[in-house]
Amino acid sequence: MDAFEMAELVAWREQTGELYHEFLRRPSMSLGLYVLDAGADDPQSPHDEDEVYYVVAGRAAITVAGERRDVVAGSVVFVPAGAEHRFHDIAERLELLVVFAPAESG
């Protein structure tokens, strides 16, 4: 069984200094933790895979293919492959679980 604790995932991601830390990969999907500090710019570009964000903590907005929505802890957002998307107006540090299906290619 693969099982994870958020505190450990946050610590692993902080050790790398990267915004995104992938912690599970299978051919059908990959799972990672993405963290953006309050006021940060989200540098991502569209992905070749479908993507789901689960907001663990924080408060911000996301725009997907021109549609804006506020997100808070507990929000779930689906982003289809190839869609332009970005978090913005980050008022509180965002901790996001990210699922790519199939596994992220790059």
Protein backbone atom coordinates (compact mmCIF):
# COMPACT_ATOMS: atom_id res chain seq x y z
CA MET A 1 0.00 0.00 0.00
CA ASP A 2 1.11 3.56 -0.70
CA ALA A 3 -0.01 5.96 2.03
CA PHE A 4 1.14 9.52 2.73
CA GLU A 5 0.85 12.19 5.42
CA MET A 6 0.47 15.84 4.38
CA ALA A 7 3.10 17.02 6.88
CA GLU A 8 5.67 14.66 5.32
CA LEU A 9 4.71 15.70 1.78
CA VAL A 10 5.07 19.38 2.65
CA ALA A 11 8.48 18.72 4.25
CA TRP A 12 9.70 16.71 1.22
CA ARG A 13 8.58 19.47 -1.17
CA GLU A 14 10.25 22.18 0.92
CA GLN A 15 13.53 20.23 0.94
CA THR A 16 13.64 20.35 -2.86
CA GLY A 17 12.83 24.05 -3.06
CA GLU A 18 10.49 23.29 -5.98
CA LEU A 19 6.87 24.43 -6.23
CA TYR A 20 5.73 20.92 -7.24
CA HIS A 21 6.69 17.58 -5.71
CA GLU A 22 5.45 14.41 -7.39
CA PHE A 23 5.10 11.62 -4.83
CA LEU A 24 3.27 8.86 -6.70
CA ARG A 25 3.57 7.72 -10.31
CA ARG A 26 1.80 4.98 -12.19
CA PRO A 27 1.30 4.79 -15.98
CA SER A 28 -2.37 5.69 -15.56
CA MET A 29 -1.84 8.68 -13.24
CA SER A 30 0.57 10.72 -11.17
CA LEU A 31 0.00 12.59 -7.92
CA GLY A 32 1.86 15.54 -6.48
CA LEU A 33 1.79 18.45 -4.08
CA TYR A 34 1.86 21.96 -5.55
CA VAL A 35 2.41 24.92 -3.20
CA LEU A 36 2.15 28.62 -4.01
CA ASP A 37 2.78 31.28 -1.37
CA ALA A 38 0.44 34.24 -0.86
CA GLY A 39 1.02 36.82 -3.58
CA ALA A 40 3.03 34.39 -5.75
CA ASP A 41 2.75 34.09 -9.52
CA ASP A 42 1.71 30.69 -10.88
CA PRO A 43 4.23 29.85 -13.65
CA GLN A 44 2.50 26.83 -15.14
CA SER A 45 1.49 26.31 -18.73
CA PRO A 46 -1.04 23.89 -20.24
CA HIS A 47 -0.39 20.18 -19.76
CA ASP A 48 -0.87 17.25 -22.14
CA GLU A 49 -2.88 15.36 -19.49
CA ASP A 50 -6.19 15.89 -17.73
CA GLU A 51 -5.63 17.32 -14.28
CA VAL A 52 -7.54 17.60 -11.00
CA TYR A 53 -6.65 20.01 -8.19
CA TYR A 54 -7.82 19.46 -4.63
CA VAL A 55 -7.24 22.51 -2.42
CA VAL A 56 -5.91 21.28 0.92
CA ALA A 57 -5.32 24.76 2.34
CA GLY A 58 -5.34 28.37 1.24
CA ARG A 59 -7.44 30.87 -0.65
CA ALA A 60 -7.06 32.12 -4.22
CA ALA A 61 -8.71 32.20 -7.62
CA ILE A 62 -8.13 30.01 -10.65
CA THR A 63 -8.90 30.77 -14.27
CA VAL A 64 -9.39 27.81 -16.62
CA ALA A 65 -9.95 28.50 -20.33
CA GLY A 66 -11.11 32.04 -19.50
CA GLU A 67 -13.49 31.03 -16.69
CA ARG A 68 -12.62 32.39 -13.21
CA ARG A 69 -13.51 30.77 -9.91
CA ASP A 70 -12.54 31.40 -6.28
CA VAL A 71 -11.08 28.38 -4.47
CA VAL A 72 -10.64 27.55 -0.77
CA ALA A 73 -9.78 24.45 1.25
CA GLY A 74 -12.02 21.66 0.01
CA SER A 75 -12.42 22.99 -3.54
CA VAL A 76 -11.92 20.54 -6.42
CA VAL A 77 -11.13 21.79 -9.93
CA PHE A 78 -10.89 19.73 -13.13
CA VAL A 79 -8.66 21.06 -15.93
CA PRO A 80 -8.88 19.29 -19.29
CA ALA A 81 -5.69 18.48 -21.18
CA GLY A 82 -4.37 21.46 -23.12
CA ALA A 83 -6.49 24.07 -21.29
CA GLU A 84 -4.84 27.34 -20.35
CA HIS A 85 -5.06 27.66 -16.55
CA ARG A 86 -3.48 29.59 -13.71
CA PHE A 87 -3.96 30.32 -10.01
CA HIS A 88 -3.96 34.03 -9.16
CA ASP A 89 -5.01 36.48 -6.46
CA ILE A 90 -3.43 34.12 -3.93
CA ALA A 91 -4.51 35.55 -0.59
CA GLU A 92 -3.36 32.61 1.58
CA ARG A 93 -0.65 30.04 0.87
CA LEU A 94 -2.11 27.35 -1.41
CA GLU A 95 -1.43 23.67 -0.78
CA LEU A 96 -2.82 21.65 -3.68
CA LEU A 97 -2.97 17.94 -4.34
CA VAL A 98 -2.64 17.48 -8.10
CA VAL A 99 -3.69 14.37 -10.02
CA PHE A 100 -2.62 13.95 -13.66
CA ALA A 101 -4.22 11.25 -15.80
CA PRO A 102 -2.41 9.65 -17.45
CA ALA A 103 0.85 10.35 -15.58
CA GLU A 104 2.33 13.78 -16.29
CA SER A 105 4.72 13.65 -19.23
CA GLY A 106 6.85 16.61 -18.37
